[in-house]
Amino acid sequence: MTISKRRKVTKYRGSKTHGGGAMKKRRGAGNRGGRGMAGSGKRADQKKPTILKEYGNKYFGKHGFKRPQKKLKKLKTINVGLLEIKLDYFVKKELVKKEGDNYIINLKLLGYDKLLGAGDIKNKYVINNALISKKAREKIENLGGKINES
């Protein structure tokens, strides 16, 4: 006949120390020699040979070198649709010039690096100093605009 054994947790319910003796005894990480690698080099290196034997030479010290990565410059972009919406604002601030029915836009002056093709346009643009996506290029050239790349 099997005996159903009570679990220790249940047995210790209501007990303050769960069988650990006095309150001081099982207090922190000190009762297990510290956390992590703590204590591995104490006592005038007596433990070192044992540690080296068990874990090998890579246990101690730093290893390798992580090459610092160059931060990539993120391009500041604007869509042709948004450019169309903000056009009156840019003309008012004299950041975009209007010559006849063409708007002359220097994207660098507006603070952008690249023109993207999302959105619709109704005006003719002459774009200077900018990277331009294929879609944006098609939309501008279909309406009779020009792109001057630098």
Protein backbone atom coordinates (compact mmCIF):
# COMPACT_ATOMS: atom_id res chain seq x y z
CA MET A 1 0.00 0.00 0.00
CA THR A 2 1.38 3.44 -1.00
CA ILE A 3 1.59 6.15 1.55
CA SER A 4 0.46 9.61 0.47
CA LYS A 5 3.18 11.94 1.66
CA ARG A 6 2.38 15.51 2.57
CA ARG A 7 4.31 18.13 0.62
CA LYS A 8 6.94 20.05 2.57
CA VAL A 9 5.37 23.41 1.75
CA THR A 10 2.12 22.33 3.37
CA LYS A 11 3.99 20.92 6.32
CA TYR A 12 5.77 24.22 6.93
CA ARG A 13 2.67 26.43 6.72
CA GLY A 14 2.52 28.59 9.79
CA SER A 15 6.19 27.98 10.56
CA LYS A 16 8.17 31.19 10.53
CA THR A 17 11.48 29.82 9.25
CA HIS A 18 10.46 26.67 7.30
CA GLY A 19 13.00 24.55 9.09
CA GLY A 20 15.89 26.95 8.50
CA GLY A 21 16.74 27.36 12.18
CA ALA A 22 17.21 30.83 13.62
CA MET A 23 16.10 33.84 11.57
CA LYS A 24 19.68 34.89 10.88
CA LYS A 25 20.80 31.60 9.39
CA ARG A 26 19.24 31.37 5.89
CA ARG A 27 19.01 35.06 5.29
CA GLY A 28 20.66 36.27 2.05
CA ALA A 29 23.07 35.26 -0.66
CA GLY A 30 25.83 35.00 1.94
CA ASN A 31 24.71 31.56 2.91
CA ARG A 32 25.54 30.31 -0.60
CA GLY A 33 28.81 32.19 -1.12
CA GLY A 34 27.42 35.23 -2.89
CA ARG A 35 25.71 35.75 -6.21
CA GLY A 36 27.15 34.88 -9.59
CA MET A 37 30.91 34.64 -9.66
CA ALA A 38 31.32 36.15 -6.21
CA GLY A 39 33.72 34.28 -3.96
CA SER A 40 35.54 32.59 -6.81
CA GLY A 41 38.75 34.52 -6.19
CA LYS A 42 38.71 34.88 -2.43
CA ARG A 43 40.99 33.34 0.17
CA ALA A 44 44.32 34.13 -1.50
CA ASP A 45 43.65 32.17 -4.70
CA GLN A 46 43.32 28.74 -3.07
CA LYS A 47 40.11 28.10 -5.02
CA LYS A 48 41.60 29.06 -8.40
CA PRO A 49 43.15 25.69 -9.32
CA THR A 50 39.89 23.89 -8.55
CA ILE A 51 37.88 26.39 -10.61
CA LEU A 52 40.31 26.24 -13.52
CA LYS A 53 40.23 22.44 -13.44
CA GLU A 54 36.42 22.37 -13.48
CA TYR A 55 35.57 25.24 -15.85
CA GLY A 56 38.77 25.88 -17.83
CA ASN A 57 40.77 29.04 -18.53
CA LYS A 58 37.85 31.04 -19.90
CA TYR A 59 36.19 31.33 -16.49
CA PHE A 60 38.22 34.35 -15.38
CA GLY A 61 38.63 37.75 -17.01
CA LYS A 62 37.13 39.47 -19.98
CA HIS A 63 37.17 37.86 -23.40
CA GLY A 64 37.12 39.33 -26.87
CA PHE A 65 36.46 42.75 -28.24
CA LYS A 66 33.20 44.13 -29.55
CA ARG A 67 33.87 46.48 -32.43
CA PRO A 68 32.05 49.78 -32.05
CA GLN A 69 29.49 50.08 -34.83
CA LYS A 70 29.12 53.19 -36.95
CA LYS A 71 25.76 54.83 -36.56
CA LEU A 72 24.00 55.03 -39.87
CA LYS A 73 22.64 58.44 -40.77
CA LYS A 74 18.90 58.18 -41.14
CA LEU A 75 17.53 59.96 -44.19
CA LYS A 76 14.87 62.56 -43.49
CA THR A 77 12.13 61.91 -46.02
CA ILE A 78 8.94 63.56 -47.22
CA ASN A 79 6.19 62.25 -49.49
CA VAL A 80 5.04 64.17 -52.57
CA GLY A 81 1.50 64.21 -51.14
CA LEU A 82 2.67 65.94 -47.95
CA LEU A 83 4.78 68.34 -50.01
CA GLU A 84 1.62 69.25 -51.95
CA ILE A 85 -0.29 69.88 -48.72
CA LYS A 86 2.48 72.04 -47.20
CA LEU A 87 3.21 73.89 -50.45
CA ASP A 88 1.32 77.10 -49.54
CA TYR A 89 3.10 77.22 -46.17
CA PHE A 90 6.52 76.81 -47.81
CA VAL A 91 5.74 79.53 -50.40
CA LYS A 92 4.59 81.89 -47.64
CA LYS A 93 7.84 81.26 -45.70
CA GLU A 94 9.80 81.82 -48.98
CA LEU A 95 11.37 78.35 -48.85
CA VAL A 96 9.80 77.46 -52.22
CA LYS A 97 9.76 79.83 -55.21
CA LYS A 98 7.05 79.98 -57.85
CA GLU A 99 8.06 80.78 -61.42
CA GLY A 100 5.12 80.73 -63.80
CA ASP A 101 3.24 77.52 -63.07
CA ASN A 102 6.37 75.73 -61.75
CA TYR A 103 7.33 75.47 -58.09
CA ILE A 104 11.11 75.43 -57.57
CA ILE A 105 11.93 73.30 -54.55
CA ASN A 106 15.32 72.75 -52.91
CA LEU A 107 14.68 69.84 -50.51
CA LYS A 108 17.93 70.45 -48.57
CA LEU A 109 16.67 73.96 -47.81
CA LEU A 110 13.43 72.47 -46.46
CA GLY A 111 15.47 70.08 -44.29
CA TYR A 112 14.75 66.84 -46.18
CA ASP A 113 17.10 64.37 -47.87
CA LYS A 114 14.76 62.25 -49.99
CA LEU A 115 11.45 62.63 -51.78
CA LEU A 116 9.11 59.63 -51.70
CA GLY A 117 6.16 58.91 -53.95
CA ALA A 118 3.13 58.46 -51.68
CA GLY A 119 0.20 60.80 -52.31
CA ASP A 120 -1.17 62.78 -55.25
CA ILE A 121 0.10 66.01 -56.80
CA LYS A 122 -1.54 68.63 -59.01
CA ASN A 123 1.28 71.17 -59.47
CA LYS A 124 4.47 71.15 -61.56
CA TYR A 125 7.67 70.89 -59.56
CA VAL A 126 11.31 71.56 -60.34
CA ILE A 127 13.21 69.60 -57.66
CA ASN A 128 16.83 70.41 -56.79
CA ASN A 129 19.40 68.69 -54.52
CA ALA A 130 17.52 65.57 -53.55
CA LEU A 131 17.38 61.83 -53.69
CA ILE A 132 14.14 60.76 -55.33
CA SER A 133 12.28 57.46 -55.44
CA LYS A 134 11.11 55.99 -58.76
CA LYS A 135 7.45 56.57 -57.96
CA ALA A 136 8.02 60.23 -57.03
CA ARG A 137 10.09 60.75 -60.19
CA GLU A 138 7.30 59.29 -62.34
CA LYS A 139 4.61 61.45 -60.72
CA ILE A 140 6.61 64.67 -61.14
CA GLU A 141 7.68 63.97 -64.73
CA ASN A 142 4.15 62.91 -65.77
CA LEU A 143 2.88 66.37 -64.84
CA GLY A 144 5.72 68.06 -66.76
CA GLY A 145 8.05 68.75 -63.83
CA LYS A 146 11.86 68.41 -63.79
CA ILE A 147 14.41 66.89 -61.45
CA ASN A 148 17.89 68.37 -61.13
CA GLU A 149 20.07 65.99 -59.10
CA SER A 150 23.31 67.19 -57.58
